[in-house]
């Protein structure tokens, strides 16, 4: 009983199987694309509603990039590096 692992201790990604790393990469890519697309779609809807094209689309793209970079930095701090 002396060599039990702490279940709350984070495992380095090197200890995971290639399939788990692949799933992590897929989740990170999917999350990044959702973070970029949703603000752009919302901006497009606002542009159509208020007839201000391309103002809100460009603001949505900028917001999406800011969200993606922030999330990427948080993931890197957590040690999420699937490659």
PDB file of N, CA and C in Angstrom:
ATOM      1  N   UNK A   1       0.797  -1.187   0.000  1.00  0.00           N
ATOM      2  CA  UNK A   1       0.000   0.000   0.000  1.00  0.00           C
ATOM      3  C   UNK A   1       0.846   1.260   0.000  1.00  0.00           C
ATOM      4  N   UNK A   2       2.140   1.143   0.086  1.00  0.00           N
ATOM      5  CA  UNK A   2       2.992   2.305   0.200  1.00  0.00           C
ATOM      6  C   UNK A   2       3.195   3.066  -1.099  1.00  0.00           C
ATOM      7  N   UNK A   3       3.082   2.412  -2.269  1.00  0.00           N
ATOM      8  CA  UNK A   3       3.378   3.067  -3.536  1.00  0.00           C
ATOM      9  C   UNK A   3       2.128   3.410  -4.339  1.00  0.00           C
ATOM     10  N   UNK A   4       1.078   3.812  -3.687  1.00  0.00           N
ATOM     11  CA  UNK A   4      -0.142   4.196  -4.402  1.00  0.00           C
ATOM     12  C   UNK A   4       0.020   5.594  -4.985  1.00  0.00           C
ATOM     13  N   UNK A   5      -0.464   5.755  -6.215  1.00  0.00           N
ATOM     14  CA  UNK A   5      -0.395   7.062  -6.861  1.00  0.00           C
ATOM     15  C   UNK A   5      -1.484   7.980  -6.322  1.00  0.00           C
ATOM     16  N   UNK A   6      -1.179   9.248  -6.276  1.00  0.00           N
ATOM     17  CA  UNK A   6      -2.165  10.242  -5.881  1.00  0.00           C
ATOM     18  C   UNK A   6      -3.113  10.456  -7.057  1.00  0.00           C
ATOM     19  N   UNK A   7      -4.412  10.174  -6.918  1.00  0.00           N
ATOM     20  CA  UNK A   7      -5.335  10.316  -8.058  1.00  0.00           C
ATOM     21  C   UNK A   7      -5.519  11.771  -8.488  1.00  0.00           C
ATOM     22  N   UNK A   8      -5.220  12.719  -7.616  1.00  0.00           N
ATOM     23  CA  UNK A   8      -5.372  14.129  -7.962  1.00  0.00           C
ATOM     24  C   UNK A   8      -4.131  14.692  -8.644  1.00  0.00           C
ATOM     25  N   UNK A   9      -3.047  13.941  -8.642  1.00  0.00           N
ATOM     26  CA  UNK A   9      -1.814  14.407  -9.266  1.00  0.00           C
ATOM     27  C   UNK A   9      -1.946  14.322 -10.788  1.00  0.00           C
ATOM     28  N   UNK A  10      -1.540  15.414 -11.466  1.00  0.00           N
ATOM     29  CA  UNK A  10      -1.654  15.442 -12.928  1.00  0.00           C
ATOM     30  C   UNK A  10      -0.558  14.595 -13.558  1.00  0.00           C
ATOM     31  N   UNK A  11      -0.957  13.822 -14.547  1.00  0.00           N
ATOM     32  CA  UNK A  11      -0.025  13.005 -15.301  1.00  0.00           C
ATOM     33  C   UNK A  11       0.561  13.823 -16.436  1.00  0.00           C
ATOM     34  N   UNK A  12       1.848  13.733 -16.674  1.00  0.00           N
ATOM     35  CA  UNK A  12       2.361  14.392 -17.879  1.00  0.00           C
ATOM     36  C   UNK A  12       1.816  13.674 -19.105  1.00  0.00           C
ATOM     37  N   UNK A  13       1.640  14.401 -20.190  1.00  0.00           N
ATOM     38  CA  UNK A  13       1.050  13.791 -21.383  1.00  0.00           C
ATOM     39  C   UNK A  13       1.907  12.676 -21.957  1.00  0.00           C
ATOM     40  N   UNK A  14       3.164  12.661 -21.621  1.00  0.00           N
ATOM     41  CA  UNK A  14       4.017  11.587 -22.103  1.00  0.00           C
ATOM     42  C   UNK A  14       3.563  10.229 -21.595  1.00  0.00           C
ATOM     43  N   UNK A  15       2.814  10.207 -20.500  1.00  0.00           N
ATOM     44  CA  UNK A  15       2.351   8.963 -19.915  1.00  0.00           C
ATOM     45  C   UNK A  15       1.062   8.448 -20.531  1.00  0.00           C
ATOM     46  N   UNK A  16       0.477   9.180 -21.456  1.00  0.00           N
ATOM     47  CA  UNK A  16      -0.780   8.765 -22.070  1.00  0.00           C
ATOM     48  C   UNK A  16      -0.534   8.036 -23.387  1.00  0.00           C
ATOM     49  N   UNK A  17      -1.500   7.235 -23.781  1.00  0.00           N
ATOM     50  CA  UNK A  17      -1.400   6.484 -25.030  1.00  0.00           C
ATOM     51  C   UNK A  17      -1.544   7.429 -26.233  1.00  0.00           C
ATOM     52  N   UNK A  18      -1.090   6.985 -27.404  1.00  0.00           N
ATOM     53  CA  UNK A  18      -1.268   7.802 -28.607  1.00  0.00           C
ATOM     54  C   UNK A  18      -2.735   8.118 -28.902  1.00  0.00           C
ATOM     55  N   UNK A  19      -3.637   7.193 -28.590  1.00  0.00           N
ATOM     56  CA  UNK A  19      -5.064   7.441 -28.806  1.00  0.00           C
ATOM     57  C   UNK A  19      -5.557   8.577 -27.908  1.00  0.00           C
ATOM     58  N   UNK A  20      -5.146   8.578 -26.654  1.00  0.00           N
ATOM     59  CA  UNK A  20      -5.545   9.648 -25.735  1.00  0.00           C
ATOM     60  C   UNK A  20      -4.986  10.988 -26.196  1.00  0.00           C
ATOM     61  N   UNK A  21      -3.750  10.995 -26.685  1.00  0.00           N
ATOM     62  CA  UNK A  21      -3.156  12.230 -27.204  1.00  0.00           C
ATOM     63  C   UNK A  21      -3.916  12.711 -28.439  1.00  0.00           C
ATOM     64  N   UNK A  22      -4.355  11.783 -29.269  1.00  0.00           N
ATOM     65  CA  UNK A  22      -5.133  12.128 -30.455  1.00  0.00           C
ATOM     66  C   UNK A  22      -6.474  12.740 -30.095  1.00  0.00           C
ATOM     67  N   UNK A  23      -7.129  12.147 -29.091  1.00  0.00           N
ATOM     68  CA  UNK A  23      -8.388  12.720 -28.619  1.00  0.00           C
ATOM     69  C   UNK A  23      -8.174  14.129 -28.071  1.00  0.00           C
ATOM     70  N   UNK A  24      -7.113  14.320 -27.317  1.00  0.00           N
ATOM     71  CA  UNK A  24      -6.824  15.638 -26.765  1.00  0.00           C
ATOM     72  C   UNK A  24      -6.584  16.656 -27.877  1.00  0.00           C
ATOM     73  N   UNK A  25      -5.817  16.259 -28.884  1.00  0.00           N
ATOM     74  CA  UNK A  25      -5.573  17.159 -30.009  1.00  0.00           C
ATOM     75  C   UNK A  25      -6.886  17.506 -30.711  1.00  0.00           C
ATOM     76  N   UNK A  26      -7.735  16.516 -30.918  1.00  0.00           N
ATOM     77  CA  UNK A  26      -9.023  16.756 -31.553  1.00  0.00           C
ATOM     78  C   UNK A  26      -9.891  17.708 -30.747  1.00  0.00           C
ATOM     79  N   UNK A  27      -9.891  17.537 -29.438  1.00  0.00           N
ATOM     80  CA  UNK A  27     -10.682  18.417 -28.575  1.00  0.00           C
ATOM     81  C   UNK A  27     -10.134  19.840 -28.625  1.00  0.00           C
ATOM     82  N   UNK A  28      -8.811  19.991 -28.603  1.00  0.00           N
ATOM     83  CA  UNK A  28      -8.212  21.323 -28.651  1.00  0.00           C
ATOM     84  C   UNK A  28      -8.518  22.017 -29.983  1.00  0.00           C
ATOM     85  N   UNK A  29      -8.449  21.283 -31.087  1.00  0.00           N
ATOM     86  CA  UNK A  29      -8.744  21.864 -32.404  1.00  0.00           C
ATOM     87  C   UNK A  29     -10.224  22.226 -32.505  1.00  0.00           C
ATOM     88  N   UNK A  30     -11.102  21.337 -32.045  1.00  0.00           N
ATOM     89  CA  UNK A  30     -12.538  21.608 -32.078  1.00  0.00           C
ATOM     90  C   UNK A  30     -12.883  22.827 -31.231  1.00  0.00           C
ATOM     91  N   UNK A  31     -12.300  22.913 -30.046  1.00  0.00           N
ATOM     92  CA  UNK A  31     -12.552  24.051 -29.168  1.00  0.00           C
ATOM     93  C   UNK A  31     -12.088  25.349 -29.811  1.00  0.00           C
ATOM     94  N   UNK A  32     -10.897  25.340 -30.407  1.00  0.00           N
ATOM     95  CA  UNK A  32     -10.369  26.546 -31.047  1.00  0.00           C
ATOM     96  C   UNK A  32     -11.247  26.974 -32.216  1.00  0.00           C
ATOM     97  N   UNK A  33     -11.728  26.026 -33.001  1.00  0.00           N
ATOM     98  CA  UNK A  33     -12.555  26.406 -34.144  1.00  0.00           C
ATOM     99  C   UNK A  33     -13.917  26.923 -33.700  1.00  0.00           C
ATOM    100  N   UNK A  34     -14.479  26.356 -32.643  1.00  0.00           N
ATOM    101  CA  UNK A  34     -15.751  26.861 -32.124  1.00  0.00           C
ATOM    102  C   UNK A  34     -15.563  28.273 -31.570  1.00  0.00           C
ATOM    103  N   UNK A  35     -14.450  28.490 -30.874  1.00  0.00           N
ATOM    104  CA  UNK A  35     -14.179  29.813 -30.312  1.00  0.00           C
ATOM    105  C   UNK A  35     -14.006  30.865 -31.400  1.00  0.00           C
ATOM    106  N   UNK A  36     -13.576  30.470 -32.573  1.00  0.00           N
ATOM    107  CA  UNK A  36     -13.387  31.424 -33.671  1.00  0.00           C
ATOM    108  C   UNK A  36     -14.670  31.632 -34.466  1.00  0.00           C
ATOM    109  N   UNK A  37     -15.449  30.587 -34.651  1.00  0.00           N
ATOM    110  CA  UNK A  37     -16.604  30.646 -35.542  1.00  0.00           C
ATOM    111  C   UNK A  37     -17.820  31.301 -34.889  1.00  0.00           C
ATOM    112  N   UNK A  38     -18.085  30.995 -33.639  1.00  0.00           N
ATOM    113  CA  UNK A  38     -19.297  31.518 -32.998  1.00  0.00           C
ATOM    114  C   UNK A  38     -19.311  33.044 -32.943  1.00  0.00           C
ATOM    115  N   UNK A  39     -18.218  33.730 -32.521  1.00  0.00           N
ATOM    116  CA  UNK A  39     -18.272  35.200 -32.557  1.00  0.00           C
ATOM    117  C   UNK A  39     -18.439  35.758 -33.975  1.00  0.00           C
ATOM    118  N   UNK A  40     -17.864  35.083 -34.967  1.00  0.00           N
ATOM    119  CA  UNK A  40     -18.006  35.544 -36.348  1.00  0.00           C
ATOM    120  C   UNK A  40     -19.450  35.389 -36.833  1.00  0.00           C
ATOM    121  N   UNK A  41     -20.095  34.283 -36.514  1.00  0.00           N
ATOM    122  CA  UNK A  41     -21.491  34.075 -36.899  1.00  0.00           C
ATOM    123  C   UNK A  41     -22.393  35.093 -36.193  1.00  0.00           C
ATOM    124  N   UNK A  42     -22.121  35.322 -34.921  1.00  0.00           N
ATOM    125  CA  UNK A  42     -22.890  36.323 -34.185  1.00  0.00           C
ATOM    126  C   UNK A  42     -22.693  37.709 -34.813  1.00  0.00           C
ATOM    127  N   UNK A  43     -21.472  38.028 -35.204  1.00  0.00           N
ATOM    128  CA  UNK A  43     -21.208  39.301 -35.873  1.00  0.00           C
ATOM    129  C   UNK A  43     -21.940  39.415 -37.201  1.00  0.00           C
ATOM    130  N   UNK A  44     -21.987  38.339 -37.950  1.00  0.00           N
ATOM    131  CA  UNK A  44     -22.712  38.335 -39.217  1.00  0.00           C
ATOM    132  C   UNK A  44     -24.198  38.577 -38.993  1.00  0.00           C
ATOM    133  N   UNK A  45     -24.758  37.936 -37.977  1.00  0.00           N
ATOM    134  CA  UNK A  45     -26.171  38.130 -37.658  1.00  0.00           C
ATOM    135  C   UNK A  45     -26.438  39.582 -37.269  1.00  0.00           C
ATOM    136  N   UNK A  46     -25.550  40.159 -36.444  1.00  0.00           N
ATOM    137  CA  UNK A  46     -25.725  41.558 -36.045  1.00  0.00           C
ATOM    138  C   UNK A  46     -25.597  42.499 -37.244  1.00  0.00           C
ATOM    139  N   UNK A  47     -24.677  42.196 -38.157  1.00  0.00           N
ATOM    140  CA  UNK A  47     -24.530  43.025 -39.355  1.00  0.00           C
ATOM    141  C   UNK A  47     -25.803  42.999 -40.208  1.00  0.00           C
ATOM    142  N   UNK A  48     -26.401  41.835 -40.353  1.00  0.00           N
ATOM    143  CA  UNK A  48     -27.642  41.739 -41.129  1.00  0.00           C
ATOM    144  C   UNK A  48     -28.781  42.474 -40.434  1.00  0.00           C
ATOM    145  N   UNK A  49     -28.819  42.342 -39.127  1.00  0.00           N
ATOM    146  CA  UNK A  49     -29.899  42.960 -38.362  1.00  0.00           C
ATOM    147  C   UNK A  49     -29.813  44.489 -38.387  1.00  0.00           C
ATOM    148  N   UNK A  50     -28.601  45.021 -38.225  1.00  0.00           N
ATOM    149  CA  UNK A  50     -28.433  46.476 -38.142  1.00  0.00           C
ATOM    150  C   UNK A  50     -27.855  47.091 -39.417  1.00  0.00           C
ATOM    151  N   UNK A  51     -27.656  46.285 -40.453  1.00  0.00           N
ATOM    152  CA  UNK A  51     -27.130  46.721 -41.751  1.00  0.00           C
ATOM    153  C   UNK A  51     -25.834  47.524 -41.591  1.00  0.00           C
ATOM    154  N   UNK A  52     -24.883  46.902 -40.906  1.00  0.00           N
ATOM    155  CA  UNK A  52     -23.608  47.566 -40.637  1.00  0.00           C
ATOM    156  C   UNK A  52     -22.419  46.786 -41.195  1.00  0.00           C
ATOM    157  N   UNK A  53     -22.654  45.951 -42.190  1.00  0.00           N
ATOM    158  CA  UNK A  53     -21.586  45.086 -42.716  1.00  0.00           C
ATOM    159  C   UNK A  53     -20.363  45.905 -43.088  1.00  0.00           C
ATOM    160  N   UNK A  54     -19.213  45.440 -42.846  1.00  0.00           N
ATOM    161  CA  UNK A  54     -18.706  44.256 -42.154  1.00  0.00           C
ATOM    162  C   UNK A  54     -18.258  44.540 -40.729  1.00  0.00           C
ATOM    163  N   UNK A  55     -18.798  45.561 -40.082  1.00  0.00           N
ATOM    164  CA  UNK A  55     -18.339  45.995 -38.763  1.00  0.00           C
ATOM    165  C   UNK A  55     -18.355  44.872 -37.726  1.00  0.00           C
ATOM    166  N   UNK A  56     -19.514  44.265 -37.500  1.00  0.00           N
ATOM    167  CA  UNK A  56     -19.613  43.272 -36.440  1.00  0.00           C
ATOM    168  C   UNK A  56     -18.929  41.957 -36.809  1.00  0.00           C
ATOM    169  N   UNK A  57     -18.848  41.634 -38.079  1.00  0.00           N
ATOM    170  CA  UNK A  57     -18.098  40.430 -38.481  1.00  0.00           C
ATOM    171  C   UNK A  57     -16.623  40.608 -38.116  1.00  0.00           C
ATOM    172  N   UNK A  58     -16.083  41.774 -38.414  1.00  0.00           N
ATOM    173  CA  UNK A  58     -14.676  42.026 -38.082  1.00  0.00           C
ATOM    174  C   UNK A  58     -14.456  42.052 -36.570  1.00  0.00           C
ATOM    175  N   UNK A  59     -15.389  42.658 -35.845  1.00  0.00           N
ATOM    176  CA  UNK A  59     -15.283  42.629 -34.383  1.00  0.00           C
ATOM    177  C   UNK A  59     -15.387  41.197 -33.857  1.00  0.00           C
ATOM    178  N   UNK A  60     -16.255  40.388 -34.460  1.00  0.00           N
ATOM    179  CA  UNK A  60     -16.388  38.988 -34.060  1.00  0.00           C
ATOM    180  C   UNK A  60     -15.123  38.194 -34.328  1.00  0.00           C
ATOM    181  N   UNK A  61     -14.492  38.448 -35.467  1.00  0.00           N
ATOM    182  CA  UNK A  61     -13.237  37.759 -35.776  1.00  0.00           C
ATOM    183  C   UNK A  61     -12.167  38.154 -34.768  1.00  0.00           C
ATOM    184  N   UNK A  62     -12.085  39.451 -34.461  1.00  0.00           N
ATOM    185  CA  UNK A  62     -11.111  39.909 -33.465  1.00  0.00           C
ATOM    186  C   UNK A  62     -11.364  39.303 -32.104  1.00  0.00           C
ATOM    187  N   UNK A  63     -12.624  39.273 -31.688  1.00  0.00           N
ATOM    188  CA  UNK A  63     -12.980  38.674 -30.407  1.00  0.00           C
ATOM    189  C   UNK A  63     -12.645  37.182 -30.392  1.00  0.00           C
ATOM    190  N   UNK A  64     -12.924  36.502 -31.490  1.00  0.00           N
ATOM    191  CA  UNK A  64     -12.611  35.074 -31.580  1.00  0.00           C
ATOM    192  C   UNK A  64     -11.124  34.804 -31.454  1.00  0.00           C
ATOM    193  N   UNK A  65     -10.306  35.656 -32.069  1.00  0.00           N
ATOM    194  CA  UNK A  65      -8.857  35.485 -31.983  1.00  0.00           C
ATOM    195  C   UNK A  65      -8.384  35.707 -30.550  1.00  0.00           C
ATOM    196  N   UNK A  66      -8.926  36.732 -29.896  1.00  0.00           N
ATOM    197  CA  UNK A  66      -8.553  37.002 -28.506  1.00  0.00           C
ATOM    198  C   UNK A  66      -8.934  35.825 -27.619  1.00  0.00           C
ATOM    199  N   UNK A  67     -10.130  35.288 -27.795  1.00  0.00           N
ATOM    200  CA  UNK A  67     -10.583  34.141 -26.998  1.00  0.00           C
ATOM    201  C   UNK A  67      -9.687  32.927 -27.257  1.00  0.00           C
ATOM    202  N   UNK A  68      -9.352  32.675 -28.532  1.00  0.00           N
ATOM    203  CA  UNK A  68      -8.511  31.521 -28.869  1.00  0.00           C
ATOM    204  C   UNK A  68      -7.136  31.633 -28.232  1.00  0.00           C
ATOM    205  N   UNK A  69      -6.513  32.805 -28.325  1.00  0.00           N
ATOM    206  CA  UNK A  69      -5.171  32.991 -27.773  1.00  0.00           C
ATOM    207  C   UNK A  69      -5.193  32.845 -26.250  1.00  0.00           C
ATOM    208  N   UNK A  70      -6.224  33.411 -25.616  1.00  0.00           N
ATOM    209  CA  UNK A  70      -6.347  33.297 -24.165  1.00  0.00           C
ATOM    210  C   UNK A  70      -6.507  31.838 -23.744  1.00  0.00           C
ATOM    211  N   UNK A  71      -7.366  31.108 -24.443  1.00  0.00           N
ATOM    212  CA  UNK A  71      -7.575  29.698 -24.110  1.00  0.00           C
ATOM    213  C   UNK A  71      -6.315  28.875 -24.364  1.00  0.00           C
ATOM    214  N   UNK A  72      -5.602  29.183 -25.451  1.00  0.00           N
ATOM    215  CA  UNK A  72      -4.359  28.477 -25.751  1.00  0.00           C
ATOM    216  C   UNK A  72      -3.343  28.699 -24.633  1.00  0.00           C
ATOM    217  N   UNK A  73      -3.246  29.940 -24.148  1.00  0.00           N
ATOM    218  CA  UNK A  73      -2.306  30.236 -23.064  1.00  0.00           C
ATOM    219  C   UNK A  73      -2.682  29.481 -21.794  1.00  0.00           C
ATOM    220  N   UNK A  74      -3.989  29.400 -21.502  1.00  0.00           N
ATOM    221  CA  UNK A  74      -4.436  28.648 -20.322  1.00  0.00           C
ATOM    222  C   UNK A  74      -4.119  27.160 -20.467  1.00  0.00           C
ATOM    223  N   UNK A  75      -4.350  26.622 -21.669  1.00  0.00           N
ATOM    224  CA  UNK A  75      -4.053  25.210 -21.907  1.00  0.00           C
ATOM    225  C   UNK A  75      -2.562  24.928 -21.751  1.00  0.00           C
ATOM    226  N   UNK A  76      -1.723  25.826 -22.234  1.00  0.00           N
ATOM    227  CA  UNK A  76      -0.276  25.638 -22.120  1.00  0.00           C
ATOM    228  C   UNK A  76       0.172  25.687 -20.664  1.00  0.00           C
ATOM    229  N   UNK A  77      -0.456  26.565 -19.864  1.00  0.00           N
ATOM    230  CA  UNK A  77      -0.117  26.632 -18.447  1.00  0.00           C
ATOM    231  C   UNK A  77      -0.490  25.339 -17.724  1.00  0.00           C
ATOM    232  N   UNK A  78      -1.563  24.701 -18.172  1.00  0.00           N
ATOM    233  CA  UNK A  78      -1.979  23.429 -17.589  1.00  0.00           C
ATOM    234  C   UNK A  78      -1.091  22.277 -18.053  1.00  0.00           C
ATOM    235  N   UNK A  79      -0.267  22.527 -19.063  1.00  0.00           N
ATOM    236  CA  UNK A  79       0.590  21.480 -19.592  1.00  0.00           C
ATOM    237  C   UNK A  79      -0.042  20.673 -20.707  1.00  0.00           C
ATOM    238  N   UNK A  80      -1.127  21.158 -21.290  1.00  0.00           N
ATOM    239  CA  UNK A  80      -1.775  20.438 -22.384  1.00  0.00           C
ATOM    240  C   UNK A  80      -1.018  20.681 -23.680  1.00  0.00           C
ATOM    241  N   UNK A  81      -0.261  19.694 -24.061  1.00  0.00           N
ATOM    242  CA  UNK A  81       0.542  19.762 -25.281  1.00  0.00           C
ATOM    243  C   UNK A  81       0.486  18.370 -25.909  1.00  0.00           C
ATOM    244  N   UNK A  82      -0.428  18.155 -26.850  1.00  0.00           N
ATOM    245  CA  UNK A  82      -0.673  16.798 -27.326  1.00  0.00           C
ATOM    246  C   UNK A  82       0.376  16.260 -28.302  1.00  0.00           C
ATOM    247  N   UNK A  83       1.421  16.978 -28.579  1.00  0.00           N
ATOM    248  CA  UNK A  83       2.415  16.486 -29.525  1.00  0.00           C
ATOM    249  C   UNK A  83       3.751  16.337 -28.885  1.00  0.00           C
TER     250      UNK A  83
END
